[in-house]
Amino acid sequence: MKDISAPVVAIALILAAVFVPVGFIPGIVGRLYQQFAITIAISVMLSAFIALSLTPALCTLLLKPSKTDNSSGWAGRFFSRFKRLV
């Protein structure tokens, strides 16, 4: 997380800095781009929040090391031999 948090925050801030000013363009073109720009800026910030908070928590729940014996069954014996050869 230490290595990836700074780039995630930097990318989110850069994209927001690009799309937020687009939402303030005056005229008919500004009206067309306003909803798109604000939607993209909010979704980038939401994605950065999820990438920094919820995804690591989900990974710790799903990627637990298994405590099963690898030598049980024919597949376990095959992979144990394969690991020894490699």
N, C-alpha and C. Protein backbone atom coordinates (compact mmCIF):
# COMPACT_ATOMS: atom_id res chain seq x y z
N MET A 1 0.82 -1.20 0.00
CA MET A 1 0.00 0.00 0.00
C MET A 1 0.86 1.27 0.00
N LYS A 2 2.03 1.19 0.63
CA LYS A 2 2.89 2.37 0.67
C LYS A 2 3.34 2.78 -0.73
N ASP A 3 3.59 1.77 -1.57
CA ASP A 3 4.09 2.06 -2.91
C ASP A 3 3.01 2.55 -3.86
N ILE A 4 1.79 2.17 -3.63
CA ILE A 4 0.75 2.46 -4.61
C ILE A 4 -0.17 3.61 -4.21
N SER A 5 -0.17 4.02 -2.97
CA SER A 5 -1.11 5.06 -2.54
C SER A 5 -0.79 6.43 -3.14
N ALA A 6 0.47 6.78 -3.22
CA ALA A 6 0.82 8.09 -3.79
C ALA A 6 0.46 8.20 -5.27
N PRO A 7 0.74 7.19 -6.12
CA PRO A 7 0.31 7.31 -7.51
C PRO A 7 -1.20 7.33 -7.70
N VAL A 8 -1.94 6.60 -6.87
CA VAL A 8 -3.40 6.61 -6.98
C VAL A 8 -3.94 8.00 -6.65
N VAL A 9 -3.44 8.60 -5.60
CA VAL A 9 -3.88 9.95 -5.23
C VAL A 9 -3.47 10.96 -6.30
N ALA A 10 -2.28 10.84 -6.82
CA ALA A 10 -1.80 11.78 -7.84
C ALA A 10 -2.64 11.68 -9.11
N ILE A 11 -2.93 10.48 -9.56
CA ILE A 11 -3.75 10.32 -10.77
C ILE A 11 -5.15 10.86 -10.56
N ALA A 12 -5.73 10.60 -9.40
CA ALA A 12 -7.08 11.11 -9.12
C ALA A 12 -7.10 12.63 -9.10
N LEU A 13 -6.11 13.25 -8.48
CA LEU A 13 -6.08 14.71 -8.43
C LEU A 13 -5.82 15.33 -9.80
N ILE A 14 -4.98 14.71 -10.60
CA ILE A 14 -4.71 15.23 -11.94
C ILE A 14 -5.95 15.15 -12.82
N LEU A 15 -6.64 14.01 -12.77
CA LEU A 15 -7.86 13.88 -13.58
C LEU A 15 -8.95 14.83 -13.11
N ALA A 16 -9.06 15.01 -11.81
CA ALA A 16 -10.04 15.96 -11.30
C ALA A 16 -9.68 17.39 -11.70
N ALA A 17 -8.38 17.69 -11.68
CA ALA A 17 -7.95 19.03 -12.07
C ALA A 17 -8.19 19.30 -13.55
N VAL A 18 -8.26 18.26 -14.35
CA VAL A 18 -8.56 18.44 -15.77
C VAL A 18 -10.06 18.57 -16.01
N PHE A 19 -10.85 17.74 -15.35
CA PHE A 19 -12.28 17.70 -15.67
C PHE A 19 -13.12 18.73 -14.93
N VAL A 20 -12.74 19.15 -13.75
CA VAL A 20 -13.54 20.14 -13.01
C VAL A 20 -13.60 21.48 -13.75
N PRO A 21 -12.50 22.03 -14.26
CA PRO A 21 -12.62 23.30 -14.99
C PRO A 21 -13.44 23.19 -16.27
N VAL A 22 -13.47 22.01 -16.87
CA VAL A 22 -14.29 21.83 -18.08
C VAL A 22 -15.77 22.03 -17.74
N GLY A 23 -16.16 21.72 -16.53
CA GLY A 23 -17.54 21.91 -16.11
C GLY A 23 -17.96 23.36 -16.00
N PHE A 24 -17.02 24.27 -16.01
CA PHE A 24 -17.33 25.69 -15.87
C PHE A 24 -17.21 26.47 -17.18
N ILE A 25 -17.13 25.77 -18.30
CA ILE A 25 -17.07 26.46 -19.59
C ILE A 25 -18.43 27.11 -19.85
N PRO A 26 -18.45 28.39 -20.20
CA PRO A 26 -19.74 29.06 -20.43
C PRO A 26 -20.31 28.73 -21.81
N GLY A 27 -21.58 29.01 -21.96
CA GLY A 27 -22.23 28.86 -23.25
C GLY A 27 -22.85 27.49 -23.45
N ILE A 28 -23.27 27.25 -24.69
CA ILE A 28 -23.96 26.00 -25.00
C ILE A 28 -23.02 24.80 -24.94
N VAL A 29 -21.76 25.03 -25.31
CA VAL A 29 -20.78 23.95 -25.22
C VAL A 29 -20.54 23.59 -23.76
N GLY A 30 -20.53 24.59 -22.90
CA GLY A 30 -20.37 24.34 -21.47
C GLY A 30 -21.50 23.52 -20.90
N ARG A 31 -22.70 23.75 -21.36
CA ARG A 31 -23.84 22.96 -20.89
C ARG A 31 -23.71 21.50 -21.32
N LEU A 32 -23.20 21.29 -22.52
CA LEU A 32 -23.04 19.93 -23.00
C LEU A 32 -21.97 19.17 -22.20
N TYR A 33 -20.89 19.86 -21.87
CA TYR A 33 -19.78 19.22 -21.17
C TYR A 33 -19.92 19.21 -19.66
N GLN A 34 -20.81 20.02 -19.10
CA GLN A 34 -20.89 20.17 -17.66
C GLN A 34 -21.23 18.85 -16.96
N GLN A 35 -22.26 18.19 -17.40
CA GLN A 35 -22.64 16.94 -16.74
C GLN A 35 -21.58 15.87 -16.91
N PHE A 36 -21.01 15.79 -18.09
CA PHE A 36 -19.96 14.81 -18.34
C PHE A 36 -18.74 15.08 -17.46
N ALA A 37 -18.31 16.30 -17.38
CA ALA A 37 -17.09 16.64 -16.64
C ALA A 37 -17.26 16.39 -15.14
N ILE A 38 -18.39 16.80 -14.60
CA ILE A 38 -18.62 16.61 -13.16
C ILE A 38 -18.77 15.13 -12.84
N THR A 39 -19.42 14.38 -13.73
CA THR A 39 -19.58 12.93 -13.52
C THR A 39 -18.23 12.23 -13.52
N ILE A 40 -17.38 12.57 -14.46
CA ILE A 40 -16.06 11.95 -14.52
C ILE A 40 -15.23 12.33 -13.30
N ALA A 41 -15.26 13.57 -12.88
CA ALA A 41 -14.47 14.00 -11.72
C ALA A 41 -14.93 13.29 -10.45
N ILE A 42 -16.23 13.18 -10.25
CA ILE A 42 -16.74 12.50 -9.05
C ILE A 42 -16.42 11.01 -9.10
N SER A 43 -16.56 10.39 -10.28
CA SER A 43 -16.27 8.96 -10.37
C SER A 43 -14.79 8.66 -10.16
N VAL A 44 -13.90 9.54 -10.59
CA VAL A 44 -12.47 9.35 -10.37
C VAL A 44 -12.15 9.45 -8.88
N MET A 45 -12.74 10.41 -8.20
CA MET A 45 -12.50 10.54 -6.76
C MET A 45 -13.08 9.34 -5.99
N LEU A 46 -14.24 8.88 -6.39
CA LEU A 46 -14.84 7.72 -5.75
C LEU A 46 -14.00 6.47 -6.00
N SER A 47 -13.49 6.34 -7.19
CA SER A 47 -12.63 5.20 -7.51
C SER A 47 -11.33 5.24 -6.70
N ALA A 48 -10.76 6.40 -6.52
CA ALA A 48 -9.53 6.52 -5.72
C ALA A 48 -9.81 6.16 -4.26
N PHE A 49 -10.94 6.60 -3.74
CA PHE A 49 -11.31 6.26 -2.36
C PHE A 49 -11.47 4.76 -2.20
N ILE A 50 -12.14 4.12 -3.14
CA ILE A 50 -12.33 2.67 -3.06
C ILE A 50 -11.00 1.94 -3.21
N ALA A 51 -10.13 2.42 -4.10
CA ALA A 51 -8.83 1.78 -4.30
C ALA A 51 -7.95 1.88 -3.06
N LEU A 52 -8.11 2.93 -2.28
CA LEU A 52 -7.26 3.12 -1.11
C LEU A 52 -7.85 2.55 0.18
N SER A 53 -9.15 2.31 0.21
CA SER A 53 -9.74 1.87 1.47
C SER A 53 -10.39 0.49 1.38
N LEU A 54 -11.29 0.29 0.46
CA LEU A 54 -12.06 -0.95 0.44
C LEU A 54 -11.32 -2.11 -0.23
N THR A 55 -10.57 -1.85 -1.27
CA THR A 55 -9.88 -2.93 -1.98
C THR A 55 -8.83 -3.63 -1.12
N PRO A 56 -7.99 -2.93 -0.37
CA PRO A 56 -7.04 -3.66 0.50
C PRO A 56 -7.75 -4.50 1.57
N ALA A 57 -8.85 -3.99 2.09
CA ALA A 57 -9.59 -4.76 3.09
C ALA A 57 -10.19 -6.02 2.47
N LEU A 58 -10.70 -5.92 1.26
CA LEU A 58 -11.25 -7.08 0.58
C LEU A 58 -10.16 -8.09 0.23
N CYS A 59 -9.00 -7.60 -0.15
CA CYS A 59 -7.88 -8.49 -0.48
C CYS A 59 -7.41 -9.27 0.75
N THR A 60 -7.41 -8.64 1.91
CA THR A 60 -6.98 -9.36 3.11
C THR A 60 -7.97 -10.45 3.48
N LEU A 61 -9.24 -10.25 3.14
CA LEU A 61 -10.23 -11.29 3.42
C LEU A 61 -10.15 -12.44 2.42
N LEU A 62 -9.91 -12.12 1.15
CA LEU A 62 -9.95 -13.15 0.12
C LEU A 62 -8.62 -13.86 -0.08
N LEU A 63 -7.50 -13.22 0.18
CA LEU A 63 -6.20 -13.79 -0.12
C LEU A 63 -5.48 -14.32 1.12
N LYS A 64 -6.20 -15.03 1.96
CA LYS A 64 -5.58 -15.64 3.13
C LYS A 64 -4.78 -16.87 2.69
N PRO A 65 -3.64 -17.12 3.32
CA PRO A 65 -2.90 -18.33 2.97
C PRO A 65 -3.67 -19.57 3.40
N SER A 66 -3.65 -20.57 2.54
CA SER A 66 -4.39 -21.79 2.86
C SER A 66 -3.59 -22.65 3.84
N LYS A 67 -4.30 -23.37 4.67
CA LYS A 67 -3.67 -24.23 5.68
C LYS A 67 -3.89 -25.69 5.34
N THR A 68 -4.17 -25.99 4.07
CA THR A 68 -4.39 -27.37 3.67
C THR A 68 -3.07 -28.06 3.38
N ASP A 69 -3.08 -29.36 3.50
CA ASP A 69 -1.91 -30.16 3.22
C ASP A 69 -1.83 -30.40 1.72
N ASN A 70 -0.73 -30.00 1.10
CA ASN A 70 -0.59 -30.11 -0.35
C ASN A 70 -0.33 -31.53 -0.82
N SER A 71 0.04 -32.42 0.07
CA SER A 71 0.39 -33.77 -0.35
C SER A 71 -0.80 -34.72 -0.33
N SER A 72 -2.00 -34.25 -0.05
CA SER A 72 -3.17 -35.12 -0.03
C SER A 72 -3.79 -35.20 -1.41
N GLY A 73 -4.14 -36.39 -1.84
CA GLY A 73 -4.77 -36.59 -3.14
C GLY A 73 -3.75 -36.65 -4.26
N TRP A 74 -4.21 -37.06 -5.42
CA TRP A 74 -3.29 -37.22 -6.56
C TRP A 74 -2.81 -35.87 -7.08
N ALA A 75 -3.67 -34.85 -7.04
CA ALA A 75 -3.26 -33.53 -7.52
C ALA A 75 -2.21 -32.93 -6.60
N GLY A 76 -2.37 -33.12 -5.30
CA GLY A 76 -1.40 -32.60 -4.35
C GLY A 76 -0.04 -33.25 -4.51
N ARG A 77 -0.04 -34.57 -4.73
CA ARG A 77 1.24 -35.27 -4.94
C ARG A 77 1.90 -34.81 -6.24
N PHE A 78 1.07 -34.63 -7.29
CA PHE A 78 1.62 -34.18 -8.58
C PHE A 78 2.27 -32.81 -8.44
N PHE A 79 1.57 -31.88 -7.81
CA PHE A 79 2.12 -30.53 -7.68
C PHE A 79 3.28 -30.46 -6.71
N SER A 80 3.32 -31.33 -5.71
CA SER A 80 4.47 -31.37 -4.82
C SER A 80 5.72 -31.81 -5.56
N ARG A 81 5.57 -32.81 -6.42
CA ARG A 81 6.70 -33.26 -7.24
C ARG A 81 7.11 -32.19 -8.25
N PHE A 82 6.12 -31.55 -8.83
CA PHE A 82 6.40 -30.48 -9.80
C PHE A 82 7.17 -29.34 -9.15
N LYS A 83 6.78 -28.97 -7.94
CA LYS A 83 7.48 -27.88 -7.24
C LYS A 83 8.91 -28.26 -6.91
N ARG A 84 9.14 -29.54 -6.57
CA ARG A 84 10.49 -29.97 -6.28
C ARG A 84 11.37 -29.95 -7.51
N LEU A 85 10.81 -30.27 -8.69
CA LEU A 85 11.58 -30.26 -9.93
C LEU A 85 11.91 -28.85 -10.38
N VAL A 86 11.01 -27.94 -10.15
CA VAL A 86 11.22 -26.56 -10.61
C VAL A 86 12.01 -25.85 -9.58
